[in-house]
Protein backbone atom coordinates (compact mmCIF):
# COMPACT_ATOMS: atom_id res chain seq x y z
CA MET A 1 -19.44 44.64 48.56
CA ASP A 2 -18.62 47.91 46.69
CA ASP A 3 -15.64 46.93 44.32
CA LEU A 4 -14.18 50.49 44.12
CA ALA A 5 -14.13 50.81 47.96
CA ASP A 6 -12.77 47.36 48.39
CA PHE A 7 -10.03 48.07 45.92
CA LEU A 8 -9.06 51.39 47.53
CA ARG A 9 -8.87 49.85 50.97
CA THR A 10 -6.51 46.86 49.98
CA ARG A 11 -4.32 49.10 47.77
CA ARG A 12 -3.91 51.59 50.80
CA ALA A 13 -3.00 48.93 53.00
CA ARG A 14 -0.31 47.85 50.65
CA VAL A 15 1.64 51.16 50.57
CA ARG A 16 4.62 51.62 52.88
CA PRO A 17 4.60 54.95 54.46
CA GLU A 18 8.30 55.38 53.94
CA SER A 19 7.80 55.13 50.19
CA VAL A 20 5.66 58.26 50.14
CA GLY A 21 7.96 60.29 52.50
CA LEU A 22 6.16 59.49 55.71
CA HIS A 23 7.59 58.41 59.03
CA ALA A 24 6.57 54.91 60.00
CA ASP A 25 6.27 54.99 63.84
CA THR A 26 5.65 52.19 66.19
CA ARG A 27 2.26 53.52 67.18
CA ARG A 28 0.70 53.14 63.81
CA ARG A 29 -2.09 50.94 63.95
CA VAL A 30 -3.06 50.41 60.40
CA SER A 31 -1.26 48.41 57.76
CA GLY A 32 -0.13 50.75 55.14
CA LEU A 33 -1.27 54.44 54.88
CA ARG A 34 -4.06 56.00 57.06
CA ARG A 35 -7.19 57.34 55.15
CA GLU A 36 -6.26 61.00 55.87
CA GLU A 37 -2.60 60.44 54.65
CA VAL A 38 -4.11 59.18 51.22
CA ALA A 39 -6.40 62.23 51.24
CA HIS A 40 -3.68 64.73 51.88
CA LEU A 41 -1.30 63.27 49.58
CA SER A 42 -3.86 63.02 46.72
CA GLY A 43 -5.09 66.62 47.24
CA VAL A 44 -8.69 65.53 48.32
CA SER A 45 -10.61 66.35 51.46
CA VAL A 46 -10.58 63.58 54.13
CA ASP A 47 -14.33 63.49 54.27
CA TYR A 48 -14.39 62.81 50.54
CA TYR A 49 -11.86 59.97 50.53
CA VAL A 50 -13.68 58.37 53.49
CA ARG A 51 -16.83 58.42 51.46
CA LEU A 52 -15.14 56.82 48.64
CA GLU A 53 -13.90 54.00 50.77
CA GLN A 54 -17.27 53.59 52.20
CA GLY A 55 -19.00 53.37 48.87
CA ARG A 56 -20.96 56.57 49.36
CA ALA A 57 -19.28 58.77 46.77
CA ARG A 58 -19.73 58.08 43.13
CA ARG A 59 -17.95 58.92 39.79
CA PRO A 60 -14.97 60.71 41.01
CA SER A 61 -13.18 62.84 38.27
CA ALA A 62 -10.40 61.51 36.21
CA GLN A 63 -7.98 63.97 38.01
CA VAL A 64 -8.80 62.68 41.43
CA LEU A 65 -8.43 59.13 40.23
CA ASP A 66 -4.94 59.73 38.64
CA ALA A 67 -4.06 61.49 41.96
CA LEU A 68 -4.97 58.44 44.01
CA ALA A 69 -3.29 56.08 41.61
CA ARG A 70 -0.08 57.98 42.22
CA THR A 71 -0.52 57.97 45.83
CA LEU A 72 -1.28 54.31 46.04
CA GLU A 73 1.57 53.42 43.75
CA LEU A 74 -0.71 51.64 41.20
CA ASP A 75 0.86 50.15 38.08
CA GLU A 76 -0.74 50.77 34.62
CA VAL A 77 -3.04 47.70 34.88
CA GLU A 78 -4.24 48.67 38.43
CA ARG A 79 -4.60 52.35 37.36
CA GLU A 80 -6.94 51.29 34.34
CA HIS A 81 -8.90 49.01 36.72
CA LEU A 82 -9.39 51.83 39.18
CA HIS A 83 -10.79 54.10 36.48
CA ARG A 84 -13.04 51.31 35.09
CA LEU A 85 -14.40 50.66 38.68
CA ALA A 86 -15.06 54.27 39.36
CA ASN A 87 -16.75 55.20 36.05
CA ARG A 88 -19.25 52.37 35.42
CA PRO A 89 -22.26 53.81 33.79
CA GLY A 90 -25.62 53.33 35.42
CA ARG A 91 -27.27 52.05 32.29
CA PRO A 92 -27.87 48.31 31.52
CA ARG A 93 -25.08 46.56 29.91
CA ARG A 94 -25.21 44.04 27.15
CA ARG A 95 -24.27 40.62 28.30
CA PRO A 96 -20.89 39.40 26.82
CA SER A 97 -21.37 37.29 23.78
CA ILE A 98 -20.23 33.72 23.57
CA ALA A 99 -17.00 33.68 21.59
CA ARG A 100 -16.95 31.44 18.62
CA PRO A 101 -13.54 30.96 17.23
CA ARG A 102 -13.13 31.75 13.63
CA PRO A 103 -12.27 28.74 11.30
CA GLU A 104 -9.07 30.65 10.32
CA LEU A 105 -8.10 30.72 14.01
CA LEU A 106 -8.63 27.11 14.37
CA ARG A 107 -6.46 26.33 11.27
CA VAL A 108 -3.60 28.50 12.96
CA LEU A 109 -3.84 26.35 16.05
CA GLU A 110 -3.45 23.19 14.03
CA LEU A 111 -0.56 24.61 12.12
CA MET A 112 1.31 24.96 15.36
CA ALA A 113 2.14 21.33 15.79
CA ASP A 114 5.29 21.80 17.86
CA ALA A 115 3.77 24.04 20.58
CA PRO A 116 0.83 23.66 22.85
CA ALA A 117 -1.59 26.42 21.77
CA PHE A 118 -5.01 27.32 22.76
CA LEU A 119 -7.82 30.12 22.89
CA ILE A 120 -9.26 31.23 26.07
CA ASP A 121 -12.12 33.69 26.88
CA HIS A 122 -12.14 36.10 29.68
CA ARG A 123 -13.55 33.63 32.05
CA MET A 124 -10.51 31.47 31.33
CA THR A 125 -12.54 28.70 29.48
CA VAL A 126 -10.83 27.00 26.76
CA LEU A 127 -12.64 27.66 23.38
CA ALA A 128 -10.34 25.63 21.28
CA ALA A 129 -7.04 23.86 21.48
CA ASN A 130 -4.48 21.92 19.27
CA ARG A 131 -3.43 18.42 19.69
CA LEU A 132 -0.31 19.13 21.83
CA ALA A 133 -2.28 21.17 24.36
CA ASP A 134 -4.63 18.21 24.74
CA LEU A 135 -1.67 16.03 25.29
CA LEU A 136 -0.09 18.36 27.81
CA TYR A 137 -3.43 18.40 29.94
CA GLY A 138 -3.92 14.60 29.28
CA ARG A 139 -7.54 15.20 28.02
CA SER A 140 -9.54 17.27 25.40
CA VAL A 141 -9.24 20.81 26.86
CA GLU A 142 -11.85 22.35 24.76
CA GLY A 143 -14.53 23.61 27.26
CA LEU A 144 -12.12 23.19 30.22
CA ASN A 145 -12.18 26.12 32.68
CA ILE A 146 -8.47 26.56 33.67
CA ALA A 147 -9.33 28.49 37.02
CA ARG A 148 -11.83 25.73 38.12
CA HIS A 149 -9.29 23.05 37.08
CA LEU A 150 -6.54 24.81 39.02
CA PHE A 151 -8.47 25.37 42.31
CA LEU A 152 -10.83 22.48 42.43
CA TYR A 153 -9.35 19.49 41.20
CA GLU A 154 -6.27 17.64 42.30
CA GLU A 155 -5.32 16.96 38.77
CA GLY A 156 -4.61 20.72 38.39
CA ARG A 157 -2.78 21.08 41.61
CA GLU A 158 -0.42 18.21 40.40
CA LEU A 159 -0.08 19.50 36.89
CA PHE A 160 1.13 22.93 37.58
CA ALA A 161 4.67 22.91 39.23
CA ASP A 162 4.38 26.61 40.24
CA TRP A 163 0.84 26.21 41.65
CA GLU A 164 1.06 29.43 43.95
CA GLY A 165 2.19 31.55 41.06
CA CYS A 166 -0.49 30.10 38.75
CA ALA A 167 -3.16 30.77 41.40
CA LEU A 168 -1.96 34.44 41.74
CA ASP A 169 -2.19 35.02 38.21
CA THR A 170 -5.42 33.38 37.85
CA VAL A 171 -7.13 35.39 40.54
CA GLY A 172 -5.61 38.59 39.27
CA HIS A 173 -6.99 37.83 35.72
CA LEU A 174 -10.40 37.08 37.07
CA ARG A 175 -10.50 40.32 39.12
CA LEU A 176 -9.62 42.18 36.04
CA ALA A 177 -12.35 40.40 34.11
CA ALA A 178 -15.00 41.12 36.67
CA GLY A 179 -14.10 44.87 36.47
CA ARG A 180 -14.63 44.78 32.75
CA CYS A 181 -17.56 42.62 32.66
CA PRO A 182 -19.35 43.35 35.79
CA ASP A 183 -22.70 42.12 34.48
CA ASP A 184 -21.62 38.73 33.11
CA PRO A 185 -23.65 36.24 35.20
CA GLU A 186 -21.57 33.15 34.00
CA LEU A 187 -18.32 34.94 35.26
CA ALA A 188 -20.13 35.97 38.47
CA ALA A 189 -21.17 32.36 39.05
CA LEU A 190 -17.68 31.03 38.45
CA ILE A 191 -16.18 33.18 40.90
CA GLY A 192 -18.86 32.35 43.54
CA GLU A 193 -18.23 28.63 42.86
CA LEU A 194 -14.50 29.07 43.40
CA ALA A 195 -15.12 31.13 46.58
CA MET A 196 -17.43 28.70 47.96
CA HIS A 197 -15.15 25.56 47.45
CA SER A 198 -11.51 26.87 47.70
CA GLU A 199 -10.28 28.49 50.79
CA ARG A 200 -7.13 29.80 49.01
CA PHE A 201 -9.16 31.43 46.28
CA ARG A 202 -11.19 33.25 48.88
CA GLN A 203 -7.89 34.48 50.55
CA LEU A 204 -6.48 35.56 47.28
CA TRP A 205 -9.74 37.42 46.11
CA ALA A 206 -9.94 39.17 49.25
CA ARG A 207 -6.68 40.94 48.32
CA ALA A 208 -8.33 42.47 45.20
CA ASP A 209 -5.14 42.34 43.13
CA VAL A 210 -5.42 42.64 39.41
CA ARG A 211 -3.07 41.12 36.88
CA THR A 212 -2.60 40.87 33.16
CA ARG A 213 0.06 38.49 31.67
CA THR A 214 1.71 39.02 28.32
CA HIS A 215 4.37 36.37 28.49
CA GLY A 216 6.27 34.40 31.08
CA ARG A 217 7.49 31.03 32.34
CA LYS A 218 5.05 28.00 32.77
CA VAL A 219 6.19 24.91 34.51
CA TYR A 220 4.29 21.64 34.43
CA ARG A 221 4.63 18.32 36.08
CA HIS A 222 3.65 15.70 33.58
CA ALA A 223 2.98 12.17 34.35
CA ALA A 224 4.64 10.87 31.21
CA VAL A 225 7.49 13.20 30.51
CA GLY A 226 8.19 14.81 33.93
CA ARG A 227 9.11 18.48 34.57
CA LEU A 228 8.34 20.66 31.57
CA GLU A 229 9.50 24.33 31.61
CA LEU A 230 7.82 26.30 28.67
CA HIS A 231 7.67 29.89 27.63
CA GLN A 232 4.22 31.29 27.25
CA GLU A 233 2.98 34.14 24.96
CA ASN A 234 -0.34 35.65 25.43
CA PHE A 235 -1.82 37.34 22.24
CA VAL A 236 -4.86 39.46 22.65
CA LEU A 237 -7.17 38.99 19.77
CA PRO A 238 -8.52 42.62 18.75
CA ASP A 239 -11.67 41.43 16.91
CA CYS A 240 -12.65 39.01 19.70
CA ALA A 241 -13.24 40.77 23.05
CA GLY A 242 -11.55 39.07 26.00
CA THR A 243 -10.20 36.29 23.87
CA GLU A 244 -6.47 35.37 23.87
CA LEU A 245 -4.31 32.95 22.01
CA ILE A 246 -1.91 31.20 24.25
CA VAL A 247 1.22 29.62 22.64
CA GLN A 248 3.74 27.69 24.87
CA SER A 249 7.14 26.70 23.45
CA ALA A 250 10.61 25.49 24.27
CA ALA A 251 13.95 26.45 22.84
CA PRO A 252 15.17 24.16 20.06
CA GLY A 253 17.64 21.79 21.31
CA SER A 254 16.65 22.07 25.14
CA ALA A 255 15.66 19.27 27.29
CA ASP A 256 12.13 20.72 27.35
CA HIS A 257 12.01 20.85 23.54
CA ASP A 258 12.82 17.06 23.53
CA SER A 259 10.22 16.33 26.16
CA LEU A 260 7.66 18.11 24.09
CA ARG A 261 8.71 15.92 21.16
CA LEU A 262 8.43 12.97 23.24
CA LEU A 263 4.96 13.87 24.31
CA ALA A 264 3.81 14.31 20.77
CA ALA A 265 5.45 10.97 19.94
CA LEU A 266 3.55 9.23 22.70
CA GLY A 267 0.33 10.66 21.74
CA ALA A 268 0.81 9.58 18.04
CA THR A 269 1.15 6.09 19.32
CA GLY A 270 -2.29 6.20 20.90
CA ASP A 271 -0.82 5.21 24.25
CA PRO A 272 -2.31 7.14 27.30
CA VAL A 273 0.03 9.96 28.26
CA VAL A 274 -1.40 10.70 31.68
CA PRO A 275 -3.78 8.89 34.16
CA ASP A 276 -7.42 9.88 33.64
CA ALA A 277 -8.11 13.40 34.40
CA VAL A 278 -11.11 15.46 35.34
């Protein structure tokens, strides 16, 4: 499958004709815009746009891509993704290196004793985590792939209260990672595994949505402390390509903050805080 062609088709199907000043009549057979409408609105020939969607035209100019982004109502993340898909060099690429967290980063994780914190790579594999993150997941999370845990294991479905929202974010993240690292065999293998074993993943992947998350709400259903609503901040590490520091916290004095303290206390006693997890 041509990623650029697939991305253009799915974005075109998403645009409402009325939003670009076109009349949406009942005879319209396609979802979203027609190919010729995208071409006219973007100032390119219909033949050229058709060839783009069929994967037969390569390396469109930046001006054409910006025009298509405006017509297709792409946000900034999607616009960057479009440019990346369209302008991949033909030369071989260096395989992404395995991230090894610096000792100073590991020390920072441990200093955040009151908030679950962990490092993930672009494949959503946990590189390191602090004690409270382990307690939140009910296991040592270092080495855990969050996407696999979410889609393929019942424990993941039970842990995330807003499972569908997490699924959308996860697939969007992996789509973006696949665009940035098209020659990463481990990422390709992970996506293939998820597509093979999860129907919902296949459905969401076919939408070709891309997402990046900088902060937001994260809700868990924990076996020991119940519902736990946390605020998540994602910090991109500039010297570690694709690596993010995830910190989850609760407002002091809130019920969720009390639940985090209870979780830490239960862990300190050595008592199990959740049933055995995958």
